[in-house]
C-alpha atoms as a PDB file:
ATOM      1  CA  UNK A   1      48.535 -25.655 -44.711  1.00  0.00           C
ATOM      2  CA  UNK A   2      47.618 -21.997 -44.312  1.00  0.00           C
ATOM      3  CA  UNK A   3      44.388 -20.076 -43.827  1.00  0.00           C
ATOM      4  CA  UNK A   4      43.919 -17.334 -46.401  1.00  0.00           C
ATOM      5  CA  UNK A   5      43.461 -13.965 -44.646  1.00  0.00           C
ATOM      6  CA  UNK A   6      40.052 -13.488 -46.257  1.00  0.00           C
ATOM      7  CA  UNK A   7      38.918 -16.727 -44.548  1.00  0.00           C
ATOM      8  CA  UNK A   8      39.794 -15.718 -40.981  1.00  0.00           C
ATOM      9  CA  UNK A   9      36.844 -15.836 -38.589  1.00  0.00           C
ATOM     10  CA  UNK A  10      37.043 -12.446 -36.875  1.00  0.00           C
ATOM     11  CA  UNK A  11      36.320  -9.568 -39.292  1.00  0.00           C
ATOM     12  CA  UNK A  12      38.752  -7.137 -37.619  1.00  0.00           C
ATOM     13  CA  UNK A  13      41.581  -9.671 -37.525  1.00  0.00           C
ATOM     14  CA  UNK A  14      40.782 -10.597 -41.135  1.00  0.00           C
ATOM     15  CA  UNK A  15      41.079  -6.939 -42.191  1.00  0.00           C
ATOM     16  CA  UNK A  16      44.274  -6.496 -40.175  1.00  0.00           C
ATOM     17  CA  UNK A  17      45.927  -9.540 -41.771  1.00  0.00           C
ATOM     18  CA  UNK A  18      44.924  -8.300 -45.225  1.00  0.00           C
ATOM     19  CA  UNK A  19      46.345  -4.842 -44.418  1.00  0.00           C
ATOM     20  CA  UNK A  20      49.641  -6.398 -43.314  1.00  0.00           C
ATOM     21  CA  UNK A  21      49.920  -8.554 -46.418  1.00  0.00           C
ATOM     22  CA  UNK A  22      49.094  -5.724 -48.813  1.00  0.00           C
ATOM     23  CA  UNK A  23      51.253  -3.112 -47.078  1.00  0.00           C
ATOM     24  CA  UNK A  24      48.233  -0.948 -46.228  1.00  0.00           C
ATOM     25  CA  UNK A  25      49.450   1.043 -43.202  1.00  0.00           C
ATOM     26  CA  UNK A  26      46.478   3.424 -43.169  1.00  0.00           C
ATOM     27  CA  UNK A  27      44.036   0.525 -43.406  1.00  0.00           C
ATOM     28  CA  UNK A  28      45.868  -1.188 -40.532  1.00  0.00           C
ATOM     29  CA  UNK A  29      45.700   1.912 -38.333  1.00  0.00           C
ATOM     30  CA  UNK A  30      42.008   2.448 -39.102  1.00  0.00           C
ATOM     31  CA  UNK A  31      41.234  -0.849 -37.332  1.00  0.00           C
ATOM     32  CA  UNK A  32      42.815   0.247 -34.047  1.00  0.00           C
ATOM     33  CA  UNK A  33      41.551   2.305 -31.139  1.00  0.00           C
ATOM     34  CA  UNK A  34      43.291   5.658 -30.729  1.00  0.00           C
ATOM     35  CA  UNK A  35      45.118   4.342 -27.654  1.00  0.00           C
ATOM     36  CA  UNK A  36      45.919   0.847 -28.948  1.00  0.00           C
ATOM     37  CA  UNK A  37      48.972  -0.861 -27.471  1.00  0.00           C
ATOM     38  CA  UNK A  38      51.340  -3.569 -28.670  1.00  0.00           C
ATOM     39  CA  UNK A  39      53.700  -6.009 -27.010  1.00  0.00           C
ATOM     40  CA  UNK A  40      56.386  -8.095 -28.710  1.00  0.00           C
ATOM     41  CA  UNK A  41      57.737 -11.136 -26.860  1.00  0.00           C
ATOM     42  CA  UNK A  42      56.181  -9.803 -23.645  1.00  0.00           C
ATOM     43  CA  UNK A  43      57.650  -6.286 -23.814  1.00  0.00           C
ATOM     44  CA  UNK A  44      55.482  -3.268 -24.539  1.00  0.00           C
ATOM     45  CA  UNK A  45      56.589  -1.384 -27.646  1.00  0.00           C
ATOM     46  CA  UNK A  46      55.686   1.886 -29.313  1.00  0.00           C
ATOM     47  CA  UNK A  47      53.004   0.653 -31.696  1.00  0.00           C
ATOM     48  CA  UNK A  48      53.694   3.096 -34.530  1.00  0.00           C
ATOM     49  CA  UNK A  49      57.471   2.581 -34.447  1.00  0.00           C
ATOM     50  CA  UNK A  50      57.055  -1.194 -34.267  1.00  0.00           C
ATOM     51  CA  UNK A  51      54.649  -1.527 -37.179  1.00  0.00           C
ATOM     52  CA  UNK A  52      56.799   0.721 -39.339  1.00  0.00           C
ATOM     53  CA  UNK A  53      60.012  -1.159 -38.533  1.00  0.00           C
ATOM     54  CA  UNK A  54      58.620  -4.707 -38.496  1.00  0.00           C
ATOM     55  CA  UNK A  55      55.834  -4.529 -41.084  1.00  0.00           C
ATOM     56  CA  UNK A  56      55.471  -1.559 -43.364  1.00  0.00           C
ATOM     57  CA  UNK A  57      59.070  -0.643 -44.235  1.00  0.00           C
ATOM     58  CA  UNK A  58      60.294  -4.229 -44.041  1.00  0.00           C
ATOM     59  CA  UNK A  59      57.902  -6.078 -46.344  1.00  0.00           C
ATOM     60  CA  UNK A  60      56.040  -7.760 -43.479  1.00  0.00           C
ATOM     61  CA  UNK A  61      53.815 -10.690 -44.454  1.00  0.00           C
ATOM     62  CA  UNK A  62      51.932 -13.331 -42.478  1.00  0.00           C
ATOM     63  CA  UNK A  63      50.835 -16.811 -43.480  1.00  0.00           C
ATOM     64  CA  UNK A  64      48.279 -17.890 -40.886  1.00  0.00           C
ATOM     65  CA  UNK A  65      48.619 -21.514 -39.775  1.00  0.00           C
ATOM     66  CA  UNK A  66      45.794 -21.666 -37.228  1.00  0.00           C
ATOM     67  CA  UNK A  67      43.294 -19.558 -35.347  1.00  0.00           C
ATOM     68  CA  UNK A  68      41.539 -19.925 -32.003  1.00  0.00           C
ATOM     69  CA  UNK A  69      39.500 -17.866 -29.544  1.00  0.00           C
ATOM     70  CA  UNK A  70      36.937 -16.981 -32.209  1.00  0.00           C
ATOM     71  CA  UNK A  71      39.689 -15.844 -34.571  1.00  0.00           C
ATOM     72  CA  UNK A  72      41.291 -13.476 -32.051  1.00  0.00           C
ATOM     73  CA  UNK A  73      44.390 -15.631 -31.587  1.00  0.00           C
ATOM     74  CA  UNK A  74      46.578 -16.702 -34.488  1.00  0.00           C
ATOM     75  CA  UNK A  75      49.639 -18.800 -35.103  1.00  0.00           C
ATOM     76  CA  UNK A  76      51.348 -17.515 -38.228  1.00  0.00           C
ATOM     77  CA  UNK A  77      54.582 -17.715 -40.142  1.00  0.00           C
ATOM     78  CA  UNK A  78      55.597 -14.050 -40.221  1.00  0.00           C
ATOM     79  CA  UNK A  79      58.392 -12.798 -42.418  1.00  0.00           C
ATOM     80  CA  UNK A  80      60.014  -9.486 -43.125  1.00  0.00           C
ATOM     81  CA  UNK A  81      63.162  -8.239 -44.826  1.00  0.00           C
ATOM     82  CA  UNK A  82      64.928  -7.706 -41.479  1.00  0.00           C
ATOM     83  CA  UNK A  83      64.471 -11.007 -39.637  1.00  0.00           C
ATOM     84  CA  UNK A  84      63.407 -13.485 -42.304  1.00  0.00           C
ATOM     85  CA  UNK A  85      60.627 -15.902 -41.352  1.00  0.00           C
ATOM     86  CA  UNK A  86      59.601 -17.161 -37.934  1.00  0.00           C
ATOM     87  CA  UNK A  87      56.618 -18.866 -36.343  1.00  0.00           C
ATOM     88  CA  UNK A  88      54.709 -16.243 -34.353  1.00  0.00           C
ATOM     89  CA  UNK A  89      51.699 -16.021 -32.076  1.00  0.00           C
ATOM     90  CA  UNK A  90      49.294 -13.081 -32.304  1.00  0.00           C
ATOM     91  CA  UNK A  91      46.521 -12.228 -29.839  1.00  0.00           C
ATOM     92  CA  UNK A  92      44.083  -9.375 -30.238  1.00  0.00           C
ATOM     93  CA  UNK A  93      41.896  -7.570 -27.700  1.00  0.00           C
ATOM     94  CA  UNK A  94      38.891  -5.574 -28.876  1.00  0.00           C
ATOM     95  CA  UNK A  95      37.203  -2.470 -27.500  1.00  0.00           C
ATOM     96  CA  UNK A  96      34.108  -0.868 -29.046  1.00  0.00           C
ATOM     97  CA  UNK A  97      34.504  -2.670 -32.370  1.00  0.00           C
ATOM     98  CA  UNK A  98      38.210  -1.916 -32.854  1.00  0.00           C
ATOM     99  CA  UNK A  99      41.488  -3.563 -31.885  1.00  0.00           C
ATOM    100  CA  UNK A 100      42.826  -2.127 -28.626  1.00  0.00           C
ATOM    101  CA  UNK A 101      45.802  -4.434 -27.993  1.00  0.00           C
ATOM    102  CA  UNK A 102      48.058  -6.629 -30.076  1.00  0.00           C
ATOM    103  CA  UNK A 103      50.320  -9.151 -28.407  1.00  0.00           C
ATOM    104  CA  UNK A 104      52.798 -10.916 -30.656  1.00  0.00           C
ATOM    105  CA  UNK A 105      55.958 -12.914 -30.290  1.00  0.00           C
ATOM    106  CA  UNK A 106      57.688 -16.084 -31.262  1.00  0.00           C
ATOM    107  CA  UNK A 107      55.540 -19.180 -30.965  1.00  0.00           C
END
């Protein structure tokens, strides 16, 4: 069973998941602090390169399976045209009403 993005608890995470699933790169970036960071499987990555490669040029899509930590931690089946589908964990840190860090990786 999945949780529809529009039903996620945290409004920023909800908007981010919707931006991923609709391919809205500008909407995604508007949710982040100017100095937001990202890690994938524990390694820091260049956020803009990563989202372009893994999400926005590769048909990235997430089906959320569960949420915790007030909606700031997700378990999702993430798929893209490069890697196919895998179970992933996502954790978000917030600063001043925007997302300042995304940590993702295989769950």
